N, C-alpha and C. Protein backbone atom coordinates (compact mmCIF):
# COMPACT_ATOMS: atom_id res chain seq x y z
N MET A 1 -128.48 290.41 -91.41
CA MET A 1 -127.34 291.31 -91.55
C MET A 1 -126.07 290.50 -91.40
N ARG A 2 -125.25 290.53 -92.45
CA ARG A 2 -123.98 289.79 -92.47
C ARG A 2 -122.84 290.70 -92.87
N GLU A 3 -121.69 290.41 -92.33
CA GLU A 3 -120.47 291.11 -92.72
C GLU A 3 -119.34 290.09 -92.72
N VAL A 4 -118.39 290.27 -93.62
CA VAL A 4 -117.29 289.32 -93.78
C VAL A 4 -115.96 290.04 -93.58
N ILE A 5 -115.07 289.39 -92.84
CA ILE A 5 -113.69 289.86 -92.67
C ILE A 5 -112.78 288.74 -93.16
N VAL A 6 -111.82 289.10 -94.01
CA VAL A 6 -110.87 288.12 -94.55
C VAL A 6 -109.48 288.46 -94.02
N ALA A 7 -108.76 287.45 -93.53
CA ALA A 7 -107.41 287.65 -93.01
C ALA A 7 -106.55 286.46 -93.44
N ARG A 8 -105.31 286.46 -92.99
CA ARG A 8 -104.34 285.41 -93.34
C ARG A 8 -103.67 284.86 -92.09
N GLY A 9 -103.09 283.69 -92.25
CA GLY A 9 -102.33 283.09 -91.18
C GLY A 9 -100.96 283.74 -91.03
N HIS A 10 -100.22 283.30 -90.01
CA HIS A 10 -98.87 283.80 -89.72
C HIS A 10 -98.14 282.73 -88.90
N PRO A 11 -96.83 282.56 -89.11
CA PRO A 11 -96.09 281.52 -88.37
C PRO A 11 -96.15 281.67 -86.85
N ASN A 12 -96.39 282.87 -86.34
CA ASN A 12 -96.42 283.09 -84.89
C ASN A 12 -97.80 282.96 -84.27
N ILE A 13 -98.80 282.57 -85.03
CA ILE A 13 -100.13 282.39 -84.44
C ILE A 13 -100.10 281.21 -83.48
N ARG A 14 -100.57 281.45 -82.27
CA ARG A 14 -100.63 280.41 -81.24
C ARG A 14 -102.06 280.23 -80.72
N ALA A 15 -102.83 281.31 -80.67
CA ALA A 15 -104.24 281.25 -80.25
C ALA A 15 -104.39 280.54 -78.91
N THR A 16 -103.67 281.03 -77.90
CA THR A 16 -103.73 280.42 -76.57
C THR A 16 -104.38 281.32 -75.52
N HIS A 17 -104.77 282.53 -75.90
CA HIS A 17 -105.33 283.47 -74.92
C HIS A 17 -106.67 282.94 -74.40
N THR A 18 -106.88 283.10 -73.12
CA THR A 18 -108.07 282.50 -72.49
C THR A 18 -109.29 283.40 -72.47
N THR A 19 -109.14 284.69 -72.80
CA THR A 19 -110.30 285.58 -72.69
C THR A 19 -110.60 286.40 -73.94
N THR A 20 -109.69 286.43 -74.92
CA THR A 20 -109.94 287.23 -76.13
C THR A 20 -109.57 286.47 -77.39
N LEU A 21 -110.06 287.00 -78.49
CA LEU A 21 -109.76 286.50 -79.83
C LEU A 21 -109.65 287.73 -80.72
N GLU A 22 -108.67 287.76 -81.63
CA GLU A 22 -108.44 288.97 -82.42
C GLU A 22 -107.99 288.64 -83.83
N VAL A 23 -108.41 289.50 -84.78
CA VAL A 23 -107.78 289.59 -86.09
C VAL A 23 -107.31 291.03 -86.24
N THR A 24 -106.25 291.22 -87.01
CA THR A 24 -105.64 292.54 -87.14
C THR A 24 -105.23 292.81 -88.58
N LYS A 25 -105.22 294.07 -88.94
CA LYS A 25 -104.69 294.48 -90.24
C LYS A 25 -103.16 294.43 -90.28
N ASP A 26 -102.54 294.38 -89.10
CA ASP A 26 -101.08 294.33 -89.04
C ASP A 26 -100.57 293.15 -89.86
N ARG A 27 -99.39 293.33 -90.44
CA ARG A 27 -98.80 292.28 -91.27
C ARG A 27 -97.92 291.33 -90.44
N ASP A 28 -97.39 291.83 -89.35
CA ASP A 28 -96.47 291.03 -88.55
C ASP A 28 -97.08 290.73 -87.19
N LEU A 29 -96.53 289.72 -86.53
CA LEU A 29 -97.06 289.25 -85.26
C LEU A 29 -95.91 288.66 -84.45
N THR A 30 -95.82 289.06 -83.18
CA THR A 30 -94.85 288.43 -82.29
C THR A 30 -95.56 287.33 -81.51
N LEU A 31 -94.78 286.53 -80.81
CA LEU A 31 -95.36 285.45 -80.01
C LEU A 31 -96.20 285.98 -78.85
N ARG A 32 -96.02 287.25 -78.51
CA ARG A 32 -96.82 287.84 -77.43
C ARG A 32 -98.28 288.03 -77.84
N GLY A 33 -98.56 288.06 -79.15
CA GLY A 33 -99.92 288.25 -79.63
C GLY A 33 -100.70 286.95 -79.61
N ASP A 34 -100.85 286.38 -78.42
CA ASP A 34 -101.42 285.03 -78.32
C ASP A 34 -102.94 284.95 -78.47
N CYS A 35 -103.59 286.10 -78.65
CA CYS A 35 -105.04 286.08 -78.91
C CYS A 35 -105.34 286.18 -80.40
N ILE A 36 -104.33 286.46 -81.21
CA ILE A 36 -104.53 286.74 -82.63
C ILE A 36 -104.67 285.44 -83.43
N ILE A 37 -105.73 285.39 -84.27
CA ILE A 37 -105.94 284.22 -85.13
C ILE A 37 -105.82 284.59 -86.61
N GLY A 38 -105.58 285.87 -86.93
CA GLY A 38 -105.40 286.27 -88.31
C GLY A 38 -104.76 287.63 -88.43
N VAL A 39 -103.90 287.79 -89.44
CA VAL A 39 -103.24 289.06 -89.73
C VAL A 39 -103.62 289.49 -91.15
N ARG A 40 -103.19 290.69 -91.51
CA ARG A 40 -103.49 291.25 -92.84
C ARG A 40 -105.00 291.25 -93.13
N ALA A 41 -105.79 291.52 -92.10
CA ALA A 41 -107.24 291.55 -92.26
C ALA A 41 -107.65 292.68 -93.20
N ASP A 42 -108.74 292.47 -93.91
CA ASP A 42 -109.21 293.50 -94.84
C ASP A 42 -110.08 294.55 -94.14
N LYS A 43 -110.40 294.34 -92.86
CA LYS A 43 -111.21 295.30 -92.11
C LYS A 43 -110.77 295.31 -90.65
N SER A 44 -110.96 296.48 -90.03
CA SER A 44 -110.88 296.60 -88.58
C SER A 44 -112.28 296.99 -88.11
N VAL A 45 -112.45 297.20 -86.81
CA VAL A 45 -113.79 297.58 -86.33
C VAL A 45 -114.27 298.89 -86.94
N VAL A 46 -113.36 299.80 -87.23
CA VAL A 46 -113.76 301.09 -87.80
C VAL A 46 -114.34 300.93 -89.21
N ASP A 47 -113.96 299.89 -89.91
CA ASP A 47 -114.38 299.68 -91.30
C ASP A 47 -115.71 298.94 -91.44
N LEU A 48 -116.24 298.43 -90.36
CA LEU A 48 -117.48 297.66 -90.43
C LEU A 48 -118.66 298.58 -90.76
N SER A 49 -119.71 298.00 -91.29
CA SER A 49 -120.86 298.79 -91.73
C SER A 49 -121.55 299.47 -90.55
N ASP A 50 -122.13 300.63 -90.83
CA ASP A 50 -122.88 301.35 -89.80
C ASP A 50 -124.06 300.53 -89.30
N ASP A 51 -124.66 299.74 -90.19
CA ASP A 51 -125.78 298.89 -89.77
C ASP A 51 -125.33 297.88 -88.72
N LEU A 52 -124.22 297.20 -88.98
CA LEU A 52 -123.72 296.22 -88.01
C LEU A 52 -123.39 296.90 -86.69
N LYS A 53 -122.71 298.03 -86.75
CA LYS A 53 -122.36 298.75 -85.53
C LYS A 53 -123.62 299.14 -84.75
N GLY A 54 -124.66 299.55 -85.46
CA GLY A 54 -125.91 299.92 -84.80
C GLY A 54 -126.55 298.75 -84.08
N PHE A 55 -126.60 297.60 -84.74
CA PHE A 55 -127.16 296.41 -84.08
C PHE A 55 -126.34 296.04 -82.85
N LEU A 56 -125.02 296.09 -82.97
CA LEU A 56 -124.19 295.72 -81.83
C LEU A 56 -124.32 296.73 -80.69
N ARG A 57 -124.41 298.01 -81.01
CA ARG A 57 -124.61 299.00 -79.95
C ARG A 57 -125.97 298.83 -79.26
N SER A 58 -126.91 298.19 -79.95
CA SER A 58 -128.22 297.92 -79.36
C SER A 58 -128.23 296.62 -78.55
N GLY A 59 -127.10 295.95 -78.48
CA GLY A 59 -126.98 294.76 -77.65
C GLY A 59 -127.31 293.45 -78.32
N TYR A 60 -127.52 293.47 -79.63
CA TYR A 60 -127.82 292.22 -80.34
C TYR A 60 -126.65 291.24 -80.23
N ALA A 61 -126.98 289.96 -80.31
CA ALA A 61 -125.97 288.91 -80.36
C ALA A 61 -125.50 288.74 -81.80
N ILE A 62 -124.25 288.32 -81.94
CA ILE A 62 -123.75 287.96 -83.27
C ILE A 62 -123.18 286.55 -83.22
N ASN A 63 -123.37 285.86 -84.32
CA ASN A 63 -122.72 284.58 -84.54
C ASN A 63 -121.49 284.87 -85.40
N VAL A 64 -120.36 284.33 -85.02
CA VAL A 64 -119.13 284.51 -85.79
C VAL A 64 -118.69 283.13 -86.28
N GLU A 65 -118.76 282.93 -87.59
CA GLU A 65 -118.25 281.70 -88.20
C GLU A 65 -116.80 281.95 -88.58
N ILE A 66 -115.94 281.05 -88.18
CA ILE A 66 -114.52 281.10 -88.51
C ILE A 66 -114.29 279.99 -89.54
N ILE A 67 -113.96 280.39 -90.76
CA ILE A 67 -113.92 279.44 -91.87
C ILE A 67 -112.53 279.44 -92.51
N LEU A 68 -112.00 278.24 -92.76
CA LEU A 68 -110.80 278.08 -93.58
C LEU A 68 -111.28 277.44 -94.88
N PRO A 69 -111.57 278.26 -95.90
CA PRO A 69 -112.22 277.73 -97.10
C PRO A 69 -111.38 276.70 -97.86
N ASP A 70 -110.06 276.82 -97.82
CA ASP A 70 -109.21 275.89 -98.55
C ASP A 70 -109.17 274.50 -97.92
N TYR A 71 -109.62 274.40 -96.68
CA TYR A 71 -109.57 273.13 -95.95
C TYR A 71 -110.95 272.62 -95.55
N ASN A 72 -111.98 273.36 -95.91
CA ASN A 72 -113.35 272.99 -95.56
C ASN A 72 -113.51 272.78 -94.05
N LEU A 73 -112.87 273.68 -93.27
CA LEU A 73 -112.96 273.63 -91.82
C LEU A 73 -113.65 274.88 -91.30
N ARG A 74 -114.36 274.72 -90.19
CA ARG A 74 -115.03 275.87 -89.60
C ARG A 74 -115.17 275.67 -88.10
N ASP A 75 -115.33 276.79 -87.42
CA ASP A 75 -115.66 276.83 -86.00
C ASP A 75 -116.61 278.00 -85.86
N GLU A 76 -117.23 278.15 -84.72
CA GLU A 76 -118.11 279.30 -84.55
C GLU A 76 -118.20 279.68 -83.09
N LEU A 77 -118.62 280.91 -82.88
CA LEU A 77 -118.83 281.41 -81.54
C LEU A 77 -119.99 282.39 -81.55
N THR A 78 -120.48 282.69 -80.36
CA THR A 78 -121.52 283.69 -80.18
C THR A 78 -121.01 284.73 -79.20
N ALA A 79 -121.26 286.00 -79.50
CA ALA A 79 -120.88 287.10 -78.61
C ALA A 79 -121.97 288.16 -78.69
N TYR A 80 -121.84 289.20 -77.86
CA TYR A 80 -122.91 290.19 -77.72
C TYR A 80 -122.40 291.61 -77.88
N GLY A 81 -123.27 292.44 -78.40
CA GLY A 81 -122.99 293.86 -78.48
C GLY A 81 -123.24 294.53 -77.15
N ASP A 82 -122.99 295.85 -77.13
CA ASP A 82 -123.13 296.63 -75.90
C ASP A 82 -123.19 298.11 -76.29
N PRO A 83 -123.98 298.93 -75.59
CA PRO A 83 -124.06 300.36 -75.92
C PRO A 83 -122.73 301.11 -75.78
N ARG A 84 -121.78 300.56 -75.04
CA ARG A 84 -120.49 301.24 -74.83
C ARG A 84 -119.52 301.07 -76.00
N LEU A 85 -119.84 300.23 -76.96
CA LEU A 85 -118.91 299.97 -78.07
C LEU A 85 -118.69 301.23 -78.90
N THR A 86 -117.42 301.48 -79.27
CA THR A 86 -117.08 302.69 -80.03
C THR A 86 -116.62 302.39 -81.46
N PHE A 87 -116.05 301.23 -81.70
CA PHE A 87 -115.59 300.82 -83.04
C PHE A 87 -114.63 301.84 -83.66
N ARG A 88 -113.65 302.30 -82.90
CA ARG A 88 -112.76 303.36 -83.38
C ARG A 88 -111.36 302.89 -83.78
N HIS A 89 -111.02 301.65 -83.53
CA HIS A 89 -109.64 301.22 -83.77
C HIS A 89 -109.38 301.00 -85.26
N GLU A 90 -108.24 301.46 -85.73
CA GLU A 90 -107.91 301.43 -87.16
C GLU A 90 -107.37 300.09 -87.66
N THR A 91 -106.92 299.21 -86.75
CA THR A 91 -106.30 297.97 -87.23
C THR A 91 -106.89 296.69 -86.66
N ASP A 92 -107.57 296.73 -85.52
CA ASP A 92 -107.92 295.49 -84.82
C ASP A 92 -109.42 295.24 -84.71
N VAL A 93 -109.74 293.96 -84.56
CA VAL A 93 -111.09 293.48 -84.25
C VAL A 93 -110.92 292.48 -83.10
N VAL A 94 -111.46 292.81 -81.93
CA VAL A 94 -111.30 291.96 -80.75
C VAL A 94 -112.67 291.50 -80.24
N ILE A 95 -112.76 290.22 -79.97
CA ILE A 95 -113.95 289.62 -79.35
C ILE A 95 -113.51 289.13 -77.98
N ARG A 96 -114.31 289.45 -76.95
CA ARG A 96 -113.91 289.17 -75.57
C ARG A 96 -114.91 288.27 -74.84
N LYS A 97 -114.41 287.44 -73.95
CA LYS A 97 -115.29 286.69 -73.06
C LYS A 97 -115.81 287.59 -71.94
N SER A 98 -115.06 288.59 -71.58
CA SER A 98 -115.42 289.49 -70.48
C SER A 98 -116.38 290.58 -70.95
N ASP A 99 -116.70 291.49 -70.05
CA ASP A 99 -117.53 292.66 -70.36
C ASP A 99 -116.68 293.90 -70.67
N PHE A 100 -115.36 293.75 -70.72
CA PHE A 100 -114.48 294.89 -70.98
C PHE A 100 -114.70 295.41 -72.40
N VAL A 101 -114.72 296.74 -72.52
CA VAL A 101 -114.91 297.39 -73.82
C VAL A 101 -113.82 298.44 -74.01
N CYS A 102 -113.21 298.46 -75.20
CA CYS A 102 -112.31 299.53 -75.60
C CYS A 102 -112.53 299.78 -77.09
N ASP A 103 -111.75 300.68 -77.69
CA ASP A 103 -111.93 301.04 -79.10
C ASP A 103 -111.75 299.86 -80.05
N ARG A 104 -111.08 298.80 -79.62
CA ARG A 104 -110.79 297.64 -80.47
C ARG A 104 -111.90 296.59 -80.41
N THR A 105 -112.81 296.72 -79.46
CA THR A 105 -113.78 295.66 -79.18
C THR A 105 -114.90 295.61 -80.21
N LEU A 106 -115.14 294.41 -80.75
CA LEU A 106 -116.29 294.15 -81.62
C LEU A 106 -117.47 293.67 -80.80
N ALA A 107 -117.23 292.75 -79.88
CA ALA A 107 -118.32 292.16 -79.09
C ALA A 107 -117.75 291.60 -77.79
N ILE A 108 -118.65 291.39 -76.82
CA ILE A 108 -118.27 290.91 -75.50
C ILE A 108 -119.09 289.67 -75.13
N ARG A 109 -118.77 289.12 -73.97
CA ARG A 109 -119.49 287.95 -73.43
C ARG A 109 -119.52 286.79 -74.42
N SER A 110 -118.40 286.61 -75.10
CA SER A 110 -118.27 285.53 -76.08
C SER A 110 -118.23 284.17 -75.37
N ASN A 111 -118.72 283.16 -76.05
CA ASN A 111 -118.62 281.81 -75.49
C ASN A 111 -117.30 281.13 -75.85
N LYS A 112 -116.43 281.82 -76.62
CA LYS A 112 -115.12 281.27 -76.95
C LYS A 112 -114.07 282.39 -77.00
N SER A 113 -112.84 281.99 -76.71
CA SER A 113 -111.67 282.85 -76.90
C SER A 113 -110.74 282.13 -77.88
N ALA A 114 -109.57 282.71 -78.10
CA ALA A 114 -108.62 282.10 -79.04
C ALA A 114 -108.28 280.66 -78.64
N ARG A 115 -108.12 280.42 -77.35
CA ARG A 115 -107.75 279.09 -76.88
C ARG A 115 -108.81 278.03 -77.21
N ASP A 116 -110.05 278.45 -77.35
CA ASP A 116 -111.15 277.52 -77.58
C ASP A 116 -111.35 277.15 -79.05
N ILE A 117 -110.62 277.80 -79.95
CA ILE A 117 -110.77 277.52 -81.38
C ILE A 117 -110.18 276.15 -81.69
N ASP A 118 -110.83 275.43 -82.57
CA ASP A 118 -110.40 274.09 -83.00
C ASP A 118 -108.90 274.11 -83.30
N ARG A 119 -108.16 273.22 -82.66
CA ARG A 119 -106.70 273.21 -82.78
C ARG A 119 -106.23 272.86 -84.19
N GLU A 120 -107.00 272.12 -84.94
CA GLU A 120 -106.63 271.85 -86.34
C GLU A 120 -106.64 273.15 -87.14
N ILE A 121 -107.62 274.00 -86.88
CA ILE A 121 -107.67 275.32 -87.53
C ILE A 121 -106.46 276.15 -87.13
N VAL A 122 -106.14 276.17 -85.84
CA VAL A 122 -105.00 276.96 -85.35
C VAL A 122 -103.70 276.49 -86.01
N GLU A 123 -103.49 275.20 -86.10
CA GLU A 123 -102.28 274.67 -86.74
C GLU A 123 -102.16 275.17 -88.18
N LEU A 124 -103.26 275.13 -88.91
CA LEU A 124 -103.25 275.59 -90.30
C LEU A 124 -103.03 277.09 -90.40
N LEU A 125 -103.46 277.84 -89.39
CA LEU A 125 -103.27 279.30 -89.40
C LEU A 125 -101.83 279.71 -89.16
N MET A 126 -100.96 278.77 -88.84
CA MET A 126 -99.53 279.08 -88.72
C MET A 126 -98.86 279.20 -90.09
N ASP A 127 -99.60 278.95 -91.14
CA ASP A 127 -99.11 279.08 -92.52
C ASP A 127 -99.63 280.41 -93.08
N PRO A 128 -98.73 281.31 -93.52
CA PRO A 128 -99.17 282.60 -94.05
C PRO A 128 -100.05 282.51 -95.29
N LYS A 129 -100.04 281.37 -95.96
CA LYS A 129 -100.88 281.21 -97.15
C LYS A 129 -102.33 280.88 -96.80
N THR A 130 -102.57 280.49 -95.56
CA THR A 130 -103.92 280.10 -95.16
C THR A 130 -104.82 281.32 -95.05
N GLU A 131 -105.95 281.26 -95.73
CA GLU A 131 -106.95 282.32 -95.65
C GLU A 131 -107.97 281.95 -94.57
N ILE A 132 -108.31 282.93 -93.75
CA ILE A 132 -109.34 282.77 -92.73
C ILE A 132 -110.44 283.78 -93.01
N ILE A 133 -111.67 283.32 -92.98
CA ILE A 133 -112.82 284.18 -93.20
C ILE A 133 -113.67 284.18 -91.93
N LEU A 134 -113.98 285.37 -91.44
CA LEU A 134 -114.91 285.51 -90.33
C LEU A 134 -116.22 286.05 -90.89
N VAL A 135 -117.28 285.31 -90.71
CA VAL A 135 -118.60 285.74 -91.15
C VAL A 135 -119.38 286.15 -89.91
N LEU A 136 -119.70 287.44 -89.83
CA LEU A 136 -120.42 288.00 -88.69
C LEU A 136 -121.89 288.10 -89.07
N THR A 137 -122.75 287.45 -88.30
CA THR A 137 -124.18 287.47 -88.59
C THR A 137 -124.94 287.90 -87.35
N VAL A 138 -125.71 288.97 -87.47
CA VAL A 138 -126.53 289.43 -86.34
C VAL A 138 -127.67 288.46 -86.15
N GLN A 139 -127.91 288.07 -84.91
CA GLN A 139 -128.97 287.11 -84.60
C GLN A 139 -130.29 287.81 -84.31
N ASN A 140 -131.37 287.14 -84.65
CA ASN A 140 -132.73 287.54 -84.27
C ASN A 140 -133.15 288.92 -84.77
N ILE A 141 -132.81 289.24 -86.01
CA ILE A 141 -133.33 290.50 -86.56
C ILE A 141 -134.31 290.19 -87.67
């Protein structure tokens, strides 16, 4: 089971947050959004497939590949689903290192946050022309 989210860079991307990582459908970003690694995303958690949501609510792990196709760069992380996930937020997708869950949360107990993403990728994401692709793959199904 795979799902893809496509987003873009923004001049204010810093990716310094120590516990979360986020992409958003929002077009603009302030410097306070230090967990955000992509804007103008084509999906939020509410838009993801029912199959993916079902696997995540059952506690399955997901691998998230972070790809910059124009630069042949990638990073990846692993996070986990939880029965408390609601997937109700209209604009955001958040992955957390903690066990905290809200309507924006895609997965928890991640092994990486925004700060842990390859700094070369983060630098390139400061350009609005940079495309970022997140490939979500459910593990062990």
